[in-house]
N, C-alpha and C. Protein backbone atom coordinates (compact mmCIF):
# COMPACT_ATOMS: atom_id res chain seq x y z
N MET A 1 61.68 -17.88 12.34
CA MET A 1 60.45 -18.13 11.60
C MET A 1 59.93 -16.83 11.03
N LYS A 2 59.28 -16.93 9.89
CA LYS A 2 58.70 -15.76 9.24
C LYS A 2 57.23 -16.03 8.93
N ILE A 3 56.39 -15.05 9.22
CA ILE A 3 54.98 -15.14 8.85
C ILE A 3 54.70 -14.06 7.82
N TYR A 4 54.22 -14.50 6.66
CA TYR A 4 53.97 -13.60 5.54
C TYR A 4 52.48 -13.25 5.48
N GLY A 5 52.19 -11.97 5.25
CA GLY A 5 50.81 -11.55 5.07
C GLY A 5 50.60 -10.14 5.58
N ASP A 6 49.41 -9.62 5.35
CA ASP A 6 49.04 -8.28 5.80
C ASP A 6 48.36 -8.37 7.15
N LEU A 7 48.78 -7.53 8.08
CA LEU A 7 48.24 -7.54 9.44
C LEU A 7 46.73 -7.35 9.46
N ILE A 8 46.19 -6.63 8.48
CA ILE A 8 44.74 -6.39 8.46
C ILE A 8 43.97 -7.70 8.30
N SER A 9 44.56 -8.67 7.62
CA SER A 9 43.91 -9.97 7.48
C SER A 9 43.71 -10.60 8.85
N PRO A 10 42.49 -10.99 9.19
CA PRO A 10 42.29 -11.62 10.51
C PRO A 10 43.03 -12.94 10.64
N PHE A 11 43.29 -13.59 9.52
CA PHE A 11 43.99 -14.87 9.56
C PHE A 11 45.47 -14.67 9.85
N VAL A 12 46.04 -13.63 9.29
CA VAL A 12 47.44 -13.30 9.57
C VAL A 12 47.60 -12.84 11.01
N ARG A 13 46.75 -11.91 11.43
CA ARG A 13 46.88 -11.38 12.79
C ARG A 13 46.67 -12.47 13.83
N THR A 14 45.77 -13.41 13.56
CA THR A 14 45.55 -14.53 14.49
C THR A 14 46.85 -15.28 14.75
N THR A 15 47.63 -15.53 13.71
CA THR A 15 48.88 -16.28 13.89
C THR A 15 49.91 -15.46 14.67
N LEU A 16 49.93 -14.15 14.43
CA LEU A 16 50.89 -13.30 15.13
C LEU A 16 50.55 -13.18 16.62
N VAL A 17 49.26 -13.06 16.92
CA VAL A 17 48.84 -13.01 18.32
C VAL A 17 49.14 -14.35 18.99
N ALA A 18 48.86 -15.44 18.28
CA ALA A 18 49.14 -16.77 18.85
C ALA A 18 50.63 -16.95 19.11
N ALA A 19 51.46 -16.46 18.21
CA ALA A 19 52.91 -16.57 18.41
C ALA A 19 53.32 -15.85 19.69
N ALA A 20 52.77 -14.67 19.90
CA ALA A 20 53.09 -13.92 21.11
C ALA A 20 52.59 -14.64 22.36
N GLU A 21 51.37 -15.13 22.32
CA GLU A 21 50.80 -15.81 23.48
C GLU A 21 51.50 -17.12 23.78
N ALA A 22 52.09 -17.73 22.76
CA ALA A 22 52.83 -18.99 22.97
C ALA A 22 54.25 -18.73 23.44
N GLY A 23 54.65 -17.46 23.51
CA GLY A 23 55.99 -17.13 23.96
C GLY A 23 57.03 -17.12 22.85
N LEU A 24 56.57 -17.02 21.59
CA LEU A 24 57.48 -17.06 20.45
C LEU A 24 57.60 -15.73 19.73
N GLY A 25 57.10 -14.66 20.37
CA GLY A 25 57.08 -13.37 19.68
C GLY A 25 58.43 -12.93 19.16
N THR A 26 59.49 -13.17 19.92
CA THR A 26 60.82 -12.73 19.50
C THR A 26 61.42 -13.64 18.43
N ARG A 27 60.82 -14.80 18.22
CA ARG A 27 61.35 -15.73 17.22
C ARG A 27 60.63 -15.65 15.88
N VAL A 28 59.59 -14.82 15.83
CA VAL A 28 58.79 -14.72 14.61
C VAL A 28 58.93 -13.33 14.01
N THR A 29 59.25 -13.28 12.74
CA THR A 29 59.33 -12.03 12.00
C THR A 29 58.12 -11.93 11.07
N HIS A 30 57.46 -10.79 11.12
CA HIS A 30 56.32 -10.56 10.23
C HIS A 30 56.81 -9.89 8.95
N ILE A 31 56.54 -10.54 7.82
CA ILE A 31 56.88 -10.00 6.50
C ILE A 31 55.59 -9.58 5.82
N LYS A 32 55.43 -8.28 5.59
CA LYS A 32 54.18 -7.80 5.00
C LYS A 32 54.08 -8.19 3.53
N GLU A 33 53.03 -8.89 3.19
CA GLU A 33 52.70 -9.24 1.81
C GLU A 33 51.20 -9.07 1.64
N THR A 34 50.80 -8.40 0.58
CA THR A 34 49.38 -8.17 0.34
C THR A 34 48.88 -9.08 -0.78
N VAL A 35 47.58 -9.32 -0.76
CA VAL A 35 46.94 -10.13 -1.79
C VAL A 35 45.72 -9.40 -2.32
N THR A 36 45.36 -9.72 -3.56
CA THR A 36 44.12 -9.22 -4.16
C THR A 36 43.33 -10.41 -4.66
N PRO A 37 42.02 -10.24 -4.89
CA PRO A 37 41.21 -11.37 -5.33
C PRO A 37 41.54 -11.86 -6.73
N THR A 38 42.20 -11.03 -7.55
CA THR A 38 42.33 -11.37 -8.97
C THR A 38 43.77 -11.56 -9.44
N GLN A 39 44.75 -11.21 -8.62
CA GLN A 39 46.14 -11.31 -9.06
C GLN A 39 46.97 -12.07 -8.03
N ALA A 40 47.85 -12.93 -8.54
CA ALA A 40 48.73 -13.70 -7.66
C ALA A 40 49.89 -12.85 -7.20
N ASN A 41 50.29 -13.05 -5.95
CA ASN A 41 51.48 -12.41 -5.41
C ASN A 41 52.63 -13.40 -5.58
N PRO A 42 53.63 -13.08 -6.42
CA PRO A 42 54.68 -14.05 -6.72
C PRO A 42 55.49 -14.46 -5.50
N ASN A 43 55.65 -13.56 -4.53
CA ASN A 43 56.39 -13.92 -3.31
C ASN A 43 55.66 -14.99 -2.51
N LEU A 44 54.33 -14.92 -2.54
CA LEU A 44 53.53 -15.92 -1.82
C LEU A 44 53.43 -17.22 -2.59
N THR A 45 53.24 -17.14 -3.91
CA THR A 45 53.11 -18.37 -4.70
C THR A 45 54.43 -19.15 -4.74
N ALA A 46 55.54 -18.48 -4.47
CA ALA A 46 56.81 -19.19 -4.36
C ALA A 46 56.84 -20.06 -3.12
N LEU A 47 56.03 -19.70 -2.12
CA LEU A 47 55.96 -20.46 -0.87
C LEU A 47 54.79 -21.42 -0.84
N SER A 48 53.69 -21.02 -1.47
CA SER A 48 52.46 -21.82 -1.44
C SER A 48 51.77 -21.74 -2.79
N PRO A 49 51.37 -22.87 -3.36
CA PRO A 49 50.69 -22.82 -4.66
C PRO A 49 49.36 -22.07 -4.60
N LEU A 50 48.77 -21.96 -3.40
CA LEU A 50 47.51 -21.24 -3.26
C LEU A 50 47.72 -19.73 -3.28
N GLY A 51 48.89 -19.29 -2.86
CA GLY A 51 49.19 -17.87 -2.85
C GLY A 51 48.33 -17.08 -1.88
N LYS A 52 47.88 -17.74 -0.81
CA LYS A 52 47.03 -17.08 0.18
C LYS A 52 47.84 -16.76 1.43
N VAL A 53 47.31 -15.83 2.22
CA VAL A 53 47.95 -15.51 3.50
C VAL A 53 47.11 -16.08 4.63
N PRO A 54 47.80 -16.41 5.74
CA PRO A 54 49.24 -16.33 5.98
C PRO A 54 49.98 -17.58 5.52
N VAL A 55 51.29 -17.40 5.36
CA VAL A 55 52.20 -18.53 5.18
C VAL A 55 53.32 -18.36 6.21
N LEU A 56 53.64 -19.42 6.90
CA LEU A 56 54.78 -19.41 7.81
C LEU A 56 55.94 -20.14 7.15
N GLU A 57 57.11 -19.52 7.17
CA GLU A 57 58.33 -20.18 6.70
C GLU A 57 59.14 -20.57 7.93
N THR A 58 59.39 -21.85 8.10
CA THR A 58 60.09 -22.33 9.28
C THR A 58 61.56 -21.92 9.22
N ASP A 59 62.25 -22.13 10.33
CA ASP A 59 63.69 -21.83 10.37
C ASP A 59 64.47 -22.70 9.40
N HIS A 60 63.86 -23.79 8.95
CA HIS A 60 64.50 -24.69 7.98
C HIS A 60 64.06 -24.39 6.56
N GLY A 61 63.26 -23.33 6.39
CA GLY A 61 62.84 -22.93 5.05
C GLY A 61 61.63 -23.66 4.52
N HIS A 62 60.88 -24.35 5.38
CA HIS A 62 59.70 -25.09 4.95
C HIS A 62 58.45 -24.23 5.12
N PRO A 63 57.57 -24.17 4.11
CA PRO A 63 56.34 -23.39 4.25
C PRO A 63 55.25 -24.17 4.97
N ILE A 64 54.48 -23.47 5.80
CA ILE A 64 53.35 -24.06 6.51
C ILE A 64 52.16 -23.14 6.34
N TYR A 65 51.01 -23.70 6.02
CA TYR A 65 49.77 -22.93 5.84
C TYR A 65 48.61 -23.87 6.06
N ASP A 66 47.38 -23.44 6.42
CA ASP A 66 46.89 -22.08 6.57
C ASP A 66 46.98 -21.65 8.03
N SER A 67 46.15 -20.69 8.45
CA SER A 67 46.29 -20.13 9.80
C SER A 67 46.11 -21.17 10.89
N ARG A 68 45.19 -22.11 10.72
CA ARG A 68 44.96 -23.11 11.77
C ARG A 68 46.17 -24.02 11.93
N VAL A 69 46.76 -24.40 10.82
CA VAL A 69 47.94 -25.26 10.88
C VAL A 69 49.11 -24.49 11.46
N ILE A 70 49.23 -23.21 11.10
CA ILE A 70 50.31 -22.39 11.64
C ILE A 70 50.19 -22.27 13.16
N VAL A 71 48.99 -22.02 13.67
CA VAL A 71 48.81 -21.91 15.12
C VAL A 71 49.20 -23.22 15.80
N GLU A 72 48.80 -24.33 15.22
CA GLU A 72 49.18 -25.62 15.82
C GLU A 72 50.68 -25.82 15.78
N TYR A 73 51.30 -25.41 14.68
CA TYR A 73 52.76 -25.53 14.59
C TYR A 73 53.45 -24.68 15.64
N LEU A 74 52.97 -23.46 15.83
CA LEU A 74 53.55 -22.58 16.84
C LEU A 74 53.44 -23.20 18.23
N CYS A 75 52.29 -23.78 18.53
CA CYS A 75 52.12 -24.46 19.82
C CYS A 75 53.10 -25.62 19.96
N HIS A 76 53.29 -26.35 18.87
CA HIS A 76 54.21 -27.48 18.87
C HIS A 76 55.64 -27.01 19.15
N VAL A 77 56.07 -25.98 18.45
CA VAL A 77 57.44 -25.47 18.61
C VAL A 77 57.64 -24.94 20.03
N ALA A 78 56.63 -24.27 20.57
CA ALA A 78 56.75 -23.68 21.90
C ALA A 78 56.55 -24.68 23.02
N GLY A 79 56.06 -25.87 22.68
CA GLY A 79 55.71 -26.82 23.73
C GLY A 79 54.55 -26.34 24.55
N ASN A 80 53.65 -25.62 23.90
CA ASN A 80 52.51 -25.00 24.59
C ASN A 80 51.27 -25.88 24.44
N SER A 81 50.67 -26.24 25.57
CA SER A 81 49.47 -27.06 25.53
C SER A 81 48.27 -26.32 26.12
N SER A 82 48.37 -25.01 26.25
CA SER A 82 47.25 -24.24 26.76
C SER A 82 46.44 -23.61 25.63
N LEU A 83 47.10 -23.17 24.57
CA LEU A 83 46.35 -22.58 23.45
C LEU A 83 45.51 -23.63 22.74
N ILE A 84 46.07 -24.83 22.58
CA ILE A 84 45.32 -25.97 22.05
C ILE A 84 45.52 -27.11 23.05
N PRO A 85 44.58 -27.31 23.96
CA PRO A 85 44.76 -28.28 25.04
C PRO A 85 44.93 -29.71 24.54
N ASP A 86 45.64 -30.51 25.32
CA ASP A 86 45.80 -31.92 24.99
C ASP A 86 44.54 -32.73 25.31
N ASP A 87 43.86 -32.36 26.39
CA ASP A 87 42.65 -33.07 26.80
C ASP A 87 41.63 -33.05 25.67
N GLY A 88 41.10 -34.23 25.34
CA GLY A 88 40.23 -34.35 24.18
C GLY A 88 39.01 -33.44 24.20
N VAL A 89 38.28 -33.42 25.32
CA VAL A 89 37.06 -32.61 25.39
C VAL A 89 37.39 -31.13 25.24
N LYS A 90 38.40 -30.66 26.00
CA LYS A 90 38.77 -29.25 25.91
C LYS A 90 39.34 -28.91 24.54
N ARG A 91 40.15 -29.82 24.01
CA ARG A 91 40.80 -29.57 22.72
C ARG A 91 39.78 -29.29 21.63
N PHE A 92 38.79 -30.17 21.52
CA PHE A 92 37.84 -30.01 20.41
C PHE A 92 36.84 -28.90 20.65
N ARG A 93 36.64 -28.55 21.89
CA ARG A 93 35.83 -27.37 22.18
C ARG A 93 36.56 -26.11 21.71
N VAL A 94 37.85 -26.02 22.03
CA VAL A 94 38.65 -24.87 21.59
C VAL A 94 38.75 -24.83 20.08
N LEU A 95 38.98 -25.97 19.45
CA LEU A 95 39.12 -26.00 17.99
C LEU A 95 37.81 -25.65 17.29
N THR A 96 36.68 -26.02 17.90
CA THR A 96 35.39 -25.65 17.32
C THR A 96 35.16 -24.15 17.43
N LEU A 97 35.54 -23.56 18.56
CA LEU A 97 35.44 -22.11 18.70
C LEU A 97 36.34 -21.43 17.67
N GLN A 98 37.53 -21.95 17.49
CA GLN A 98 38.43 -21.39 16.48
C GLN A 98 37.80 -21.47 15.08
N ALA A 99 37.17 -22.60 14.77
CA ALA A 99 36.52 -22.76 13.48
C ALA A 99 35.37 -21.78 13.30
N LEU A 100 34.60 -21.56 14.36
CA LEU A 100 33.51 -20.59 14.31
C LEU A 100 34.05 -19.19 14.02
N ALA A 101 35.08 -18.79 14.78
CA ALA A 101 35.63 -17.44 14.61
C ALA A 101 36.24 -17.26 13.22
N LEU A 102 37.02 -18.23 12.77
CA LEU A 102 37.65 -18.09 11.46
C LEU A 102 36.63 -18.19 10.34
N GLY A 103 35.54 -18.94 10.57
CA GLY A 103 34.45 -18.96 9.60
C GLY A 103 33.79 -17.59 9.49
N MET A 104 33.66 -16.91 10.63
CA MET A 104 33.16 -15.54 10.60
C MET A 104 34.16 -14.63 9.88
N GLY A 105 35.44 -14.92 10.06
CA GLY A 105 36.45 -14.16 9.32
C GLY A 105 36.31 -14.36 7.82
N ASP A 106 36.06 -15.59 7.40
CA ASP A 106 35.82 -15.86 5.98
C ASP A 106 34.63 -15.05 5.46
N ALA A 107 33.55 -15.04 6.23
CA ALA A 107 32.36 -14.31 5.83
C ALA A 107 32.63 -12.81 5.76
N GLY A 108 33.38 -12.30 6.74
CA GLY A 108 33.69 -10.88 6.76
C GLY A 108 34.57 -10.46 5.60
N VAL A 109 35.59 -11.25 5.30
CA VAL A 109 36.46 -10.93 4.17
C VAL A 109 35.69 -11.04 2.86
N SER A 110 34.84 -12.05 2.72
CA SER A 110 34.02 -12.20 1.50
C SER A 110 33.11 -11.00 1.30
N TYR A 111 32.50 -10.55 2.39
CA TYR A 111 31.62 -9.38 2.32
C TYR A 111 32.42 -8.15 1.91
N ARG A 112 33.58 -7.98 2.50
CA ARG A 112 34.43 -6.84 2.18
C ARG A 112 34.83 -6.84 0.71
N TYR A 113 35.22 -8.00 0.19
CA TYR A 113 35.59 -8.08 -1.22
C TYR A 113 34.41 -7.73 -2.12
N GLU A 114 33.23 -8.19 -1.72
CA GLU A 114 32.06 -7.97 -2.56
C GLU A 114 31.74 -6.48 -2.69
N ILE A 115 31.90 -5.73 -1.60
CA ILE A 115 31.52 -4.32 -1.66
C ILE A 115 32.67 -3.42 -2.11
N ASN A 116 33.91 -3.91 -1.99
CA ASN A 116 35.05 -3.04 -2.32
C ASN A 116 35.84 -3.46 -3.54
N ALA A 117 35.86 -4.75 -3.84
CA ALA A 117 36.69 -5.22 -4.94
C ALA A 117 35.90 -5.49 -6.21
N ARG A 118 34.64 -5.91 -6.06
CA ARG A 118 33.84 -6.18 -7.26
C ARG A 118 33.43 -4.87 -7.91
N PRO A 119 33.46 -4.80 -9.24
CA PRO A 119 33.08 -3.56 -9.92
C PRO A 119 31.68 -3.09 -9.52
N LYS A 120 31.53 -1.78 -9.37
CA LYS A 120 30.25 -1.21 -8.97
C LYS A 120 29.14 -1.65 -9.92
N GLY A 121 28.00 -1.94 -9.31
CA GLY A 121 26.85 -2.38 -10.09
C GLY A 121 26.78 -3.87 -10.28
N LEU A 122 27.84 -4.58 -9.92
CA LEU A 122 27.87 -6.04 -10.11
C LEU A 122 27.81 -6.80 -8.78
N GLN A 123 27.62 -6.08 -7.68
CA GLN A 123 27.55 -6.75 -6.38
C GLN A 123 26.35 -7.68 -6.30
N TRP A 124 26.57 -8.82 -5.68
CA TRP A 124 25.52 -9.82 -5.53
C TRP A 124 24.87 -9.62 -4.17
N GLU A 125 23.71 -9.00 -4.18
CA GLU A 125 23.04 -8.64 -2.93
C GLU A 125 22.71 -9.86 -2.07
N GLY A 126 22.26 -10.92 -2.71
CA GLY A 126 21.94 -12.13 -1.96
C GLY A 126 23.15 -12.72 -1.27
N TRP A 127 24.29 -12.68 -1.95
CA TRP A 127 25.54 -13.17 -1.37
C TRP A 127 25.94 -12.32 -0.17
N MET A 128 25.84 -11.01 -0.31
CA MET A 128 26.21 -10.11 0.78
C MET A 128 25.32 -10.33 2.00
N GLU A 129 24.03 -10.52 1.77
CA GLU A 129 23.11 -10.74 2.89
C GLU A 129 23.41 -12.07 3.57
N ARG A 130 23.79 -13.08 2.79
CA ARG A 130 24.11 -14.38 3.40
C ARG A 130 25.35 -14.27 4.29
N GLN A 131 26.36 -13.54 3.85
CA GLN A 131 27.55 -13.36 4.67
C GLN A 131 27.21 -12.56 5.93
N SER A 132 26.39 -11.52 5.78
CA SER A 132 25.96 -10.73 6.94
C SER A 132 25.21 -11.59 7.95
N GLN A 133 24.36 -12.48 7.44
CA GLN A 133 23.61 -13.35 8.34
C GLN A 133 24.53 -14.31 9.08
N ARG A 134 25.54 -14.82 8.38
CA ARG A 134 26.52 -15.68 9.05
C ARG A 134 27.21 -14.93 10.19
N LEU A 135 27.55 -13.69 9.94
CA LEU A 135 28.22 -12.90 10.97
C LEU A 135 27.30 -12.64 12.16
N ARG A 136 26.06 -12.31 11.88
CA ARG A 136 25.11 -12.06 12.98
C ARG A 136 24.84 -13.34 13.77
N ASP A 137 24.63 -14.43 13.06
CA ASP A 137 24.37 -15.71 13.74
C ASP A 137 25.57 -16.15 14.56
N GLY A 138 26.77 -15.96 13.99
CA GLY A 138 27.98 -16.32 14.71
C GLY A 138 28.15 -15.51 15.98
N ALA A 139 27.90 -14.21 15.88
CA ALA A 139 28.01 -13.35 17.06
C ALA A 139 26.98 -13.73 18.12
N ASP A 140 25.77 -14.07 17.69
CA ASP A 140 24.75 -14.53 18.64
C ASP A 140 25.19 -15.80 19.35
N ASP A 141 25.77 -16.73 18.62
CA ASP A 141 26.22 -17.98 19.22
C ASP A 141 27.37 -17.73 20.20
N LEU A 142 28.28 -16.84 19.85
CA LEU A 142 29.37 -16.49 20.75
C LEU A 142 28.83 -15.90 22.05
N GLU A 143 27.82 -15.06 21.95
CA GLU A 143 27.21 -14.44 23.13
C GLU A 143 26.56 -15.48 24.03
N ARG A 144 25.87 -16.46 23.42
CA ARG A 144 25.05 -17.40 24.20
C ARG A 144 25.84 -18.58 24.75
N ASN A 145 26.77 -19.10 23.96
CA ASN A 145 27.25 -20.45 24.23
C ASN A 145 28.75 -20.60 24.50
N TRP A 146 29.52 -19.54 24.43
CA TRP A 146 30.97 -19.73 24.45
C TRP A 146 31.70 -18.98 25.54
N GLN A 147 31.00 -18.41 26.50
CA GLN A 147 31.68 -17.58 27.49
C GLN A 147 32.74 -18.33 28.31
N PRO A 148 32.51 -19.57 28.75
CA PRO A 148 33.56 -20.25 29.52
C PRO A 148 34.86 -20.45 28.72
N VAL A 149 34.75 -20.76 27.45
CA VAL A 149 35.95 -20.96 26.62
C VAL A 149 36.60 -19.62 26.29
N LEU A 150 35.77 -18.60 26.06
CA LEU A 150 36.30 -17.27 25.77
C LEU A 150 37.01 -16.68 26.98
N ALA A 151 36.69 -17.13 28.16
CA ALA A 151 37.31 -16.60 29.37
C ALA A 151 38.76 -17.02 29.50
N GLU A 152 39.19 -17.99 28.70
CA GLU A 152 40.57 -18.46 28.74
C GLU A 152 41.32 -17.96 27.50
N VAL A 153 42.64 -17.95 27.57
CA VAL A 153 43.45 -17.60 26.42
C VAL A 153 43.77 -18.88 25.67
N ASN A 154 43.18 -19.04 24.53
CA ASN A 154 43.37 -20.26 23.74
C ASN A 154 43.22 -19.91 22.26
N ALA A 155 43.41 -20.89 21.40
CA ALA A 155 43.35 -20.64 19.96
C ALA A 155 41.99 -20.11 19.54
N GLY A 156 40.93 -20.53 20.22
CA GLY A 156 39.60 -20.06 19.88
C GLY A 156 39.34 -18.64 20.31
N SER A 157 39.74 -18.29 21.53
CA SER A 157 39.50 -16.93 22.01
C SER A 157 40.38 -15.93 21.26
N ILE A 158 41.59 -16.35 20.88
CA ILE A 158 42.45 -15.48 20.08
C ILE A 158 41.78 -15.16 18.74
N ALA A 159 41.33 -16.20 18.05
CA ALA A 159 40.70 -16.00 16.74
C ALA A 159 39.45 -15.14 16.87
N THR A 160 38.68 -15.35 17.94
CA THR A 160 37.46 -14.57 18.14
C THR A 160 37.78 -13.09 18.32
N ALA A 161 38.73 -12.78 19.19
CA ALA A 161 39.09 -11.39 19.44
C ALA A 161 39.60 -10.71 18.17
N VAL A 162 40.40 -11.41 17.41
CA VAL A 162 40.97 -10.84 16.19
C VAL A 162 39.89 -10.60 15.14
N VAL A 163 39.00 -11.56 14.96
CA VAL A 163 37.95 -11.42 13.95
C VAL A 163 36.98 -10.29 14.32
N LEU A 164 36.63 -10.17 15.58
CA LEU A 164 35.75 -9.09 15.99
C LEU A 164 36.41 -7.73 15.73
N ALA A 165 37.72 -7.65 15.96
CA ALA A 165 38.44 -6.41 15.67
C ALA A 165 38.43 -6.12 14.17
N TYR A 166 38.55 -7.17 13.36
CA TYR A 166 38.48 -6.98 11.90
C TYR A 166 37.11 -6.45 11.49
N LEU A 167 36.05 -6.97 12.09
CA LEU A 167 34.71 -6.49 11.76
C LEU A 167 34.55 -5.02 12.14
N ASP A 168 35.10 -4.63 13.28
CA ASP A 168 35.09 -3.22 13.65
C ASP A 168 35.80 -2.37 12.60
N TYR A 169 36.89 -2.89 12.10
CA TYR A 169 37.76 -2.14 11.18
C TYR A 169 37.17 -2.05 9.77
N ARG A 170 36.60 -3.15 9.30
CA ARG A 170 36.16 -3.22 7.91
C ARG A 170 34.66 -3.12 7.72
N ILE A 171 33.87 -3.58 8.69
CA ILE A 171 32.41 -3.58 8.53
C ILE A 171 31.78 -3.00 9.80
N PRO A 172 32.06 -1.75 10.12
CA PRO A 172 31.55 -1.18 11.38
C PRO A 172 30.03 -1.12 11.44
N ASP A 173 29.37 -1.06 10.27
CA ASP A 173 27.90 -0.99 10.26
C ASP A 173 27.26 -2.26 10.80
N LEU A 174 28.03 -3.33 10.89
CA LEU A 174 27.46 -4.57 11.44
C LEU A 174 27.07 -4.39 12.91
N ALA A 175 27.79 -3.52 13.62
CA ALA A 175 27.48 -3.21 15.02
C ALA A 175 27.29 -4.48 15.85
N TRP A 176 28.29 -5.35 15.83
CA TRP A 176 28.15 -6.67 16.45
C TRP A 176 27.96 -6.59 17.97
N ARG A 177 28.34 -5.47 18.61
CA ARG A 177 28.17 -5.35 20.06
C ARG A 177 26.71 -5.18 20.47
N THR A 178 25.88 -4.68 19.58
CA THR A 178 24.50 -4.37 19.94
C THR A 178 23.76 -5.64 20.39
N GLY A 179 23.26 -5.61 21.62
CA GLY A 179 22.53 -6.74 22.16
C GLY A 179 23.41 -7.90 22.59
N ARG A 180 24.73 -7.69 22.62
CA ARG A 180 25.65 -8.78 22.99
C ARG A 180 26.65 -8.26 24.02
N PRO A 181 26.20 -7.94 25.21
CA PRO A 181 27.08 -7.32 26.22
C PRO A 181 28.22 -8.22 26.68
N LYS A 182 27.97 -9.54 26.79
CA LYS A 182 29.03 -10.43 27.25
C LYS A 182 30.15 -10.52 26.21
N LEU A 183 29.78 -10.56 24.95
CA LEU A 183 30.78 -10.61 23.89
C LEU A 183 31.57 -9.31 23.83
N ALA A 184 30.88 -8.19 24.01
CA ALA A 184 31.55 -6.89 24.01
C ALA A 184 32.55 -6.79 25.17
N GLU A 185 32.16 -7.30 26.34
CA GLU A 185 33.06 -7.27 27.49
C GLU A 185 34.28 -8.16 27.26
N PHE A 186 34.05 -9.35 26.71
CA PHE A 186 35.17 -10.23 26.37
C PHE A 186 36.15 -9.50 25.47
N HIS A 187 35.63 -8.86 24.41
CA HIS A 187 36.52 -8.24 23.43
C HIS A 187 37.30 -7.08 24.04
N ALA A 188 36.66 -6.30 24.87
CA ALA A 188 37.34 -5.18 25.51
C ALA A 188 38.50 -5.68 26.38
N GLN A 189 38.26 -6.74 27.14
CA GLN A 189 39.29 -7.27 28.02
C GLN A 189 40.42 -7.92 27.23
N PHE A 190 40.08 -8.71 26.22
CA PHE A 190 41.11 -9.42 25.46
C PHE A 190 41.94 -8.43 24.65
N SER A 191 41.31 -7.38 24.16
CA SER A 191 42.02 -6.40 23.32
C SER A 191 43.08 -5.64 24.10
N ALA A 192 42.99 -5.67 25.42
CA ALA A 192 43.98 -4.99 26.26
C ALA A 192 45.24 -5.84 26.46
N ARG A 193 45.22 -7.08 26.02
CA ARG A 193 46.38 -7.93 26.17
C ARG A 193 47.54 -7.41 25.32
N ASP A 194 48.74 -7.62 25.79
CA ASP A 194 49.93 -7.12 25.10
C ASP A 194 50.01 -7.64 23.67
N SER A 195 49.62 -8.89 23.47
CA SER A 195 49.68 -9.49 22.14
C SER A 195 48.77 -8.79 21.14
N MET A 196 47.65 -8.27 21.61
CA MET A 196 46.71 -7.55 20.75
C MET A 196 47.16 -6.10 20.55
N VAL A 197 47.66 -5.51 21.60
CA VAL A 197 48.11 -4.10 21.51
C VAL A 197 49.28 -3.99 20.52
N LYS A 198 50.20 -4.95 20.57
CA LYS A 198 51.38 -4.88 19.71
C LYS A 198 51.06 -5.23 18.25
N THR A 199 49.90 -5.81 18.01
CA THR A 199 49.49 -6.11 16.62
C THR A 199 48.27 -5.28 16.24
N ALA A 200 48.09 -4.13 16.89
CA ALA A 200 46.90 -3.31 16.64
C ALA A 200 46.82 -2.93 15.17
N LEU A 201 45.58 -2.87 14.66
CA LEU A 201 45.37 -2.51 13.26
C LEU A 201 45.68 -1.03 13.05
N PRO A 202 46.15 -0.66 11.87
CA PRO A 202 46.49 0.74 11.61
C PRO A 202 45.25 1.63 11.63
N ASN A 203 45.44 2.88 11.99
CA ASN A 203 44.33 3.85 12.01
C ASN A 203 43.95 4.27 10.59
């Protein structure tokens, strides 16, 4: 299997960490492909009409996207029912946490594009503040309401750890740890896992 995309993308890294945690690390090859907001990457559009990352190419040459579907596929291939539990209550709790984390990833990437990719002087301040508020509200909710689920290794905790690392890397001024000691402790512990260390973001 091949996963296409840039490791800096929280969506790409989420799939790579999930592959490792599902026991498929040796069966997955990471192919670096970058994307920009304004130009299509022909290697990606050959696999997906959206041309977004990540894309997984199966051993049979079939493309699978986006990150949530890829994680579920990896669990299916591995026969893993811990990252996405079979039990209905646990399953949808984990999937909701995953949606929260990846939604924060969307907000973080949107904010990053606005300040770095949009021509100077054309940034939409209201848009940037809305994304920042989503990130702050999301971090507050993670601190208050998700500690039991974050204490386990699952699709939601993986996405959360990866997205928080992305915020450190791209939007350090957000200072998401401030006033959120439980979330900071979770991230420190999860970041020490082999799957996170081996996919560490570049300096």
